[in-house]
Every structure is written in C-alpha cells, then in structure tokens.
Amino acid sequence: MYYELFVQKKKMLGQITKWLDAAAAHAKEKSFDPNLFVSLRLAPDQFAFGRQIQVACDTAKLGAARLAGKEAPSNPDTEQTLEDLRARLTSTVAYLNTFSAKDFAGADTRVVTQPRWEGKVMSGADYFAEHVVPNFYFHTAHAYAILRHNGVSVGKRDYLGALSLRAP
C-alpha cells in the first residue's frame, strides 16, 4: 500500500514540474522574470512558493525513507530559481524511484520520530496517515494556489494529472 501511495506522490511532483512550465510561460507572456514566483506567497505568515516546493519534496522523500527505515539524502534548501526547483523535484523523484514495495515491509509498526517532536514517536501507519499525506498535499496545494493567485493558467486537471481511466 505505501509503495503505491508514494507512486502517486511521484506523479504529483511531476505535475508540479508542469506548473513550473506554465509559470515560466506566464512570466514570458507578461514580460517579467519567472524567478519572481519563487518568493511569492499567499499570506505574510505562510511559506513562499519555493519553500512550499521544498517542503513537499522533503515530505515525500523523508516519509518514504522513515517508513522504509532508510537514511534520506539531505538538500540544502538553496533553490532560488524555477530551474533550481525543477532540479529539486527531479532529484526527489529519482530518490523515490529507488524504492520498491518490499522496502515498506513492516512500515505500519516502524517507530518514527523527528527532532521537532521532542522525543515523542509515532507508528509508521500513524505517521503516514497523520503527517505525510496531509503535509504533502497541504504544501502542494499551496504551491498551486500561489501560482493561480498570481495569474498562472493552471486548473484542476493540471493539479490531478492524467487519470487511470479505462472503458468498462
């Protein structure tokens, strides 16, 4: 189950790369630097677009690593351009591609902790359901909303991507 859900997260990260294309096209059409998007935010106390992408990537990467009992690669969070963010997305998907379904054996009962939890722990199942899934989609949705708010022509189909539709 976890493997399949991380496949969905890889798909979502791929959709974000398409949003970056749309943002760059919008900036070109309106004659402004597309890298301005990196610092845009919805509200003064919320993360900027670039940070939303970083956190979405980290949530997917660290979620998979923690559930599989592996060490995740570190990223310095220095992205300042849309191309930097694209590279971050690409490296995150490449890392997620290293996992197989068997890597998540025992993930439900694996004990997960983070430094900011001050010594507290969660089961892998709770960590995935209560942190990984909502945190990932919170930050991807905010990145999407920042682009929409700033005039980028992305819609629900751009958010969802291709669906697994088939004839009955």
C-alpha atoms as a PDB file:
ATOM      1  CA  MET A   1       0.000   0.000   0.000  1.00  0.00           C
ATOM      2  CA  TYR A   2       2.718   2.541   0.907  1.00  0.00           C
ATOM      3  CA  TYR A   3       4.628   1.926  -2.298  1.00  0.00           C
ATOM      4  CA  GLU A   4       1.563   2.652  -4.413  1.00  0.00           C
ATOM      5  CA  LEU A   5       0.845   5.824  -2.470  1.00  0.00           C
ATOM      6  CA  PHE A   6       4.404   7.040  -2.988  1.00  0.00           C
ATOM      7  CA  VAL A   7       3.939   6.361  -6.705  1.00  0.00           C
ATOM      8  CA  GLN A   8       1.065   8.850  -6.512  1.00  0.00           C
ATOM      9  CA  LYS A   9       3.338  11.350  -4.785  1.00  0.00           C
ATOM     10  CA  LYS A  10       5.875  10.952  -7.602  1.00  0.00           C
ATOM     11  CA  LYS A  11       3.079  11.682 -10.080  1.00  0.00           C
ATOM     12  CA  MET A  12       2.153  14.813  -8.116  1.00  0.00           C
ATOM     13  CA  LEU A  13       5.769  16.018  -8.082  1.00  0.00           C
ATOM     14  CA  GLY A  14       5.779  15.500 -11.846  1.00  0.00           C
ATOM     15  CA  GLN A  15       2.680  17.667 -12.125  1.00  0.00           C
ATOM     16  CA  ILE A  16       4.468  20.420 -10.245  1.00  0.00           C
ATOM     17  CA  THR A  17       7.185  20.458 -12.915  1.00  0.00           C
ATOM     18  CA  LYS A  18       4.407  21.174 -15.437  1.00  0.00           C
ATOM     19  CA  TRP A  19       3.218  24.038 -13.245  1.00  0.00           C
ATOM     20  CA  LEU A  20       6.732  25.464 -13.420  1.00  0.00           C
ATOM     21  CA  ASP A  21       6.469  25.389 -17.224  1.00  0.00           C
ATOM     22  CA  ALA A  22       3.140  27.220 -17.015  1.00  0.00           C
ATOM     23  CA  ALA A  23       4.629  29.786 -14.622  1.00  0.00           C
ATOM     24  CA  ALA A  24       7.572  30.413 -16.946  1.00  0.00           C
ATOM     25  CA  ALA A  25       5.233  30.793 -19.935  1.00  0.00           C
ATOM     26  CA  HIS A  26       3.033  33.212 -17.996  1.00  0.00           C
ATOM     27  CA  ALA A  27       6.036  35.306 -16.986  1.00  0.00           C
ATOM     28  CA  LYS A  28       7.294  35.396 -20.565  1.00  0.00           C
ATOM     29  CA  GLU A  29       3.859  36.449 -21.838  1.00  0.00           C
ATOM     30  CA  LYS A  30       3.641  39.224 -19.218  1.00  0.00           C
ATOM     31  CA  SER A  31       7.326  40.209 -19.606  1.00  0.00           C
ATOM     32  CA  PHE A  32       8.644  39.619 -16.094  1.00  0.00           C
ATOM     33  CA  ASP A  33      11.323  37.449 -14.538  1.00  0.00           C
ATOM     34  CA  PRO A  34       9.816  33.987 -13.921  1.00  0.00           C
ATOM     35  CA  ASN A  35      12.035  33.554 -10.887  1.00  0.00           C
ATOM     36  CA  LEU A  36       9.908  36.100  -9.042  1.00  0.00           C
ATOM     37  CA  PHE A  37       7.472  33.234  -8.427  1.00  0.00           C
ATOM     38  CA  VAL A  38       9.959  31.594  -6.051  1.00  0.00           C
ATOM     39  CA  SER A  39       9.406  34.297  -3.429  1.00  0.00           C
ATOM     40  CA  LEU A  40       5.646  34.812  -3.847  1.00  0.00           C
ATOM     41  CA  ARG A  41       3.292  33.780  -1.042  1.00  0.00           C
ATOM     42  CA  LEU A  42      -0.426  33.835  -0.283  1.00  0.00           C
ATOM     43  CA  ALA A  43      -0.123  35.486   3.120  1.00  0.00           C
ATOM     44  CA  PRO A  44       2.721  37.159   5.032  1.00  0.00           C
ATOM     45  CA  ASP A  45       2.910  34.327   7.580  1.00  0.00           C
ATOM     46  CA  GLN A  46       2.936  31.485   5.035  1.00  0.00           C
ATOM     47  CA  PHE A  47       5.855  29.954   3.192  1.00  0.00           C
ATOM     48  CA  ALA A  48       6.780  31.335  -0.212  1.00  0.00           C
ATOM     49  CA  PHE A  49       6.304  29.255  -3.368  1.00  0.00           C
ATOM     50  CA  GLY A  50       9.860  27.932  -3.339  1.00  0.00           C
ATOM     51  CA  ARG A  51       9.617  26.798   0.268  1.00  0.00           C
ATOM     52  CA  GLN A  52       6.275  25.092  -0.441  1.00  0.00           C
ATOM     53  CA  ILE A  53       8.005  23.012  -3.129  1.00  0.00           C
ATOM     54  CA  GLN A  54      10.946  22.230  -0.848  1.00  0.00           C
ATOM     55  CA  VAL A  55       8.658  21.008   1.934  1.00  0.00           C
ATOM     56  CA  ALA A  56       6.546  18.921  -0.451  1.00  0.00           C
ATOM     57  CA  CYS A  57       9.715  17.264  -1.749  1.00  0.00           C
ATOM     58  CA  ASP A  58      11.085  16.725   1.755  1.00  0.00           C
ATOM     59  CA  THR A  59       7.804  15.276   2.995  1.00  0.00           C
ATOM     60  CA  ALA A  60       7.757  12.715   0.182  1.00  0.00           C
ATOM     61  CA  LYS A  61      11.467  11.902   0.479  1.00  0.00           C
ATOM     62  CA  LEU A  62      11.618  11.723   4.279  1.00  0.00           C
ATOM     63  CA  GLY A  63       8.273   9.943   4.509  1.00  0.00           C
ATOM     64  CA  ALA A  64       9.485   7.141   2.253  1.00  0.00           C
ATOM     65  CA  ALA A  65      12.853   6.934   3.993  1.00  0.00           C
ATOM     66  CA  ARG A  66      11.420   6.834   7.505  1.00  0.00           C
ATOM     67  CA  LEU A  67       8.802   4.239   6.623  1.00  0.00           C
ATOM     68  CA  ALA A  68      11.437   2.078   4.951  1.00  0.00           C
ATOM     69  CA  GLY A  69      13.988   2.543   7.742  1.00  0.00           C
ATOM     70  CA  LYS A  70      16.481   4.246   5.437  1.00  0.00           C
ATOM     71  CA  GLU A  71      18.503   7.439   5.561  1.00  0.00           C
ATOM     72  CA  ALA A  72      17.334  10.118   3.114  1.00  0.00           C
ATOM     73  CA  PRO A  73      19.694  12.400   1.225  1.00  0.00           C
ATOM     74  CA  SER A  74      19.931  15.951   2.511  1.00  0.00           C
ATOM     75  CA  ASN A  75      19.098  19.061   0.498  1.00  0.00           C
ATOM     76  CA  PRO A  76      20.455  22.481   1.493  1.00  0.00           C
ATOM     77  CA  ASP A  77      17.232  24.424   0.611  1.00  0.00           C
ATOM     78  CA  THR A  78      19.095  26.943  -1.531  1.00  0.00           C
ATOM     79  CA  GLU A  79      16.774  26.987  -4.560  1.00  0.00           C
ATOM     80  CA  GLN A  80      16.352  30.499  -5.954  1.00  0.00           C
ATOM     81  CA  THR A  81      15.046  29.907  -9.480  1.00  0.00           C
ATOM     82  CA  LEU A  82      12.370  27.846 -11.167  1.00  0.00           C
ATOM     83  CA  GLU A  83      15.155  25.727 -12.663  1.00  0.00           C
ATOM     84  CA  ASP A  84      16.559  25.110  -9.183  1.00  0.00           C
ATOM     85  CA  LEU A  85      13.106  23.963  -8.067  1.00  0.00           C
ATOM     86  CA  ARG A  86      12.827  21.730 -11.131  1.00  0.00           C
ATOM     87  CA  ALA A  87      16.134  20.119 -10.202  1.00  0.00           C
ATOM     88  CA  ARG A  88      14.873  19.589  -6.631  1.00  0.00           C
ATOM     89  CA  LEU A  89      11.711  17.922  -7.934  1.00  0.00           C
ATOM     90  CA  THR A  90      13.726  15.745 -10.325  1.00  0.00           C
ATOM     91  CA  SER A  91      16.134  14.607  -7.620  1.00  0.00           C
ATOM     92  CA  THR A  92      13.256  13.810  -5.254  1.00  0.00           C
ATOM     93  CA  VAL A  93      11.500  11.680  -7.875  1.00  0.00           C
ATOM     94  CA  ALA A  94      14.808   9.950  -8.675  1.00  0.00           C
ATOM     95  CA  TYR A  95      15.231   9.137  -4.975  1.00  0.00           C
ATOM     96  CA  LEU A  96      11.668   7.819  -4.712  1.00  0.00           C
ATOM     97  CA  ASN A  97      12.378   5.643  -7.767  1.00  0.00           C
ATOM     98  CA  THR A  98      14.925   3.723  -5.677  1.00  0.00           C
ATOM     99  CA  PHE A  99      12.142   2.227  -3.525  1.00  0.00           C
ATOM    100  CA  SER A 100      10.223  -0.962  -4.178  1.00  0.00           C
ATOM    101  CA  ALA A 101       7.150  -2.368  -2.460  1.00  0.00           C
ATOM    102  CA  LYS A 102       9.314  -4.676  -0.333  1.00  0.00           C
ATOM    103  CA  ASP A 103      11.130  -1.658   1.164  1.00  0.00           C
ATOM    104  CA  PHE A 104       7.939  -0.840   3.062  1.00  0.00           C
ATOM    105  CA  ALA A 105       7.577  -4.231   4.746  1.00  0.00           C
ATOM    106  CA  GLY A 106       6.911  -3.585   8.428  1.00  0.00           C
ATOM    107  CA  ALA A 107       6.253   0.123   7.850  1.00  0.00           C
ATOM    108  CA  ASP A 108       2.971   0.062   9.802  1.00  0.00           C
ATOM    109  CA  THR A 109       4.709  -0.732  13.073  1.00  0.00           C
ATOM    110  CA  ARG A 110       8.016   1.017  12.465  1.00  0.00           C
ATOM    111  CA  VAL A 111       8.679   3.670  15.121  1.00  0.00           C
ATOM    112  CA  VAL A 112       9.096   7.115  13.601  1.00  0.00           C
ATOM    113  CA  THR A 113      10.375  10.245  15.282  1.00  0.00           C
ATOM    114  CA  GLN A 114      11.652  13.665  14.300  1.00  0.00           C
ATOM    115  CA  PRO A 115      13.820  16.103  16.251  1.00  0.00           C
ATOM    116  CA  ARG A 116      10.983  18.643  16.500  1.00  0.00           C
ATOM    117  CA  TRP A 117       8.762  16.070  18.225  1.00  0.00           C
ATOM    118  CA  GLU A 118      10.921  16.404  21.361  1.00  0.00           C
ATOM    119  CA  GLY A 119      11.405  12.684  21.971  1.00  0.00           C
ATOM    120  CA  LYS A 120       7.881  11.613  21.065  1.00  0.00           C
ATOM    121  CA  VAL A 121       7.231   8.891  18.483  1.00  0.00           C
ATOM    122  CA  MET A 122       4.507   7.628  16.150  1.00  0.00           C
ATOM    123  CA  SER A 123       3.856   4.303  14.482  1.00  0.00           C
ATOM    124  CA  GLY A 124       4.614   4.237  10.781  1.00  0.00           C
ATOM    125  CA  ALA A 125       0.908   3.884   9.993  1.00  0.00           C
ATOM    126  CA  ASP A 126       0.003   6.940  12.066  1.00  0.00           C
ATOM    127  CA  TYR A 127       2.949   8.923  10.737  1.00  0.00           C
ATOM    128  CA  PHE A 128       1.893   8.258   7.157  1.00  0.00           C
ATOM    129  CA  ALA A 129      -1.815   8.956   7.695  1.00  0.00           C
ATOM    130  CA  GLU A 130      -1.476  11.911  10.068  1.00  0.00           C
ATOM    131  CA  HIS A 131       1.661  13.619   8.797  1.00  0.00           C
ATOM    132  CA  VAL A 132       2.982  12.507   5.398  1.00  0.00           C
ATOM    133  CA  VAL A 133      -0.269  12.546   3.437  1.00  0.00           C
ATOM    134  CA  PRO A 134      -1.792  15.784   4.779  1.00  0.00           C
ATOM    135  CA  ASN A 135       1.525  17.660   4.917  1.00  0.00           C
ATOM    136  CA  PHE A 136       2.431  16.686   1.350  1.00  0.00           C
ATOM    137  CA  TYR A 137      -0.909  17.785  -0.060  1.00  0.00           C
ATOM    138  CA  PHE A 138      -1.043  20.925   2.098  1.00  0.00           C
ATOM    139  CA  HIS A 139       2.193  22.196   0.569  1.00  0.00           C
ATOM    140  CA  THR A 140       1.449  21.084  -2.998  1.00  0.00           C
ATOM    141  CA  ALA A 141      -1.975  22.735  -2.816  1.00  0.00           C
ATOM    142  CA  HIS A 142      -0.443  25.960  -1.512  1.00  0.00           C
ATOM    143  CA  ALA A 143       2.154  25.984  -4.299  1.00  0.00           C
ATOM    144  CA  TYR A 144      -0.670  25.520  -6.806  1.00  0.00           C
ATOM    145  CA  ALA A 145      -2.732  28.276  -5.148  1.00  0.00           C
ATOM    146  CA  ILE A 146       0.186  30.717  -5.229  1.00  0.00           C
ATOM    147  CA  LEU A 147       0.505  30.232  -8.980  1.00  0.00           C
ATOM    148  CA  ARG A 148      -3.255  30.547  -9.539  1.00  0.00           C
ATOM    149  CA  HIS A 149      -3.416  33.638  -7.348  1.00  0.00           C
ATOM    150  CA  ASN A 150      -0.717  35.221  -9.467  1.00  0.00           C
ATOM    151  CA  GLY A 151      -2.421  34.593 -12.799  1.00  0.00           C
ATOM    152  CA  VAL A 152      -0.803  31.366 -13.965  1.00  0.00           C
ATOM    153  CA  SER A 153      -3.226  29.390 -16.088  1.00  0.00           C
ATOM    154  CA  VAL A 154      -3.333  26.066 -14.265  1.00  0.00           C
ATOM    155  CA  GLY A 155      -6.547  24.250 -13.458  1.00  0.00           C
ATOM    156  CA  LYS A 156      -7.796  21.187 -11.678  1.00  0.00           C
ATOM    157  CA  ARG A 157      -6.644  18.879 -14.479  1.00  0.00           C
ATOM    158  CA  ASP A 158      -3.161  20.341 -14.123  1.00  0.00           C
ATOM    159  CA  TYR A 159      -3.308  19.557 -10.420  1.00  0.00           C
ATOM    160  CA  LEU A 160      -4.596  15.995 -10.826  1.00  0.00           C
ATOM    161  CA  GLY A 161      -2.694  14.994 -13.947  1.00  0.00           C
ATOM    162  CA  ALA A 162      -3.682  12.053 -16.117  1.00  0.00           C
ATOM    163  CA  LEU A 163      -6.214   9.730 -14.557  1.00  0.00           C
ATOM    164  CA  SER A 164      -6.244   5.931 -14.912  1.00  0.00           C
ATOM    165  CA  LEU A 165      -9.426   5.958 -16.969  1.00  0.00           C
ATOM    166  CA  ARG A 166     -10.428   2.905 -18.992  1.00  0.00           C
ATOM    167  CA  ALA A 167     -13.519   1.580 -20.714  1.00  0.00           C
ATOM    168  CA  PRO A 168     -15.662  -0.741 -18.563  1.00  0.00           C
END
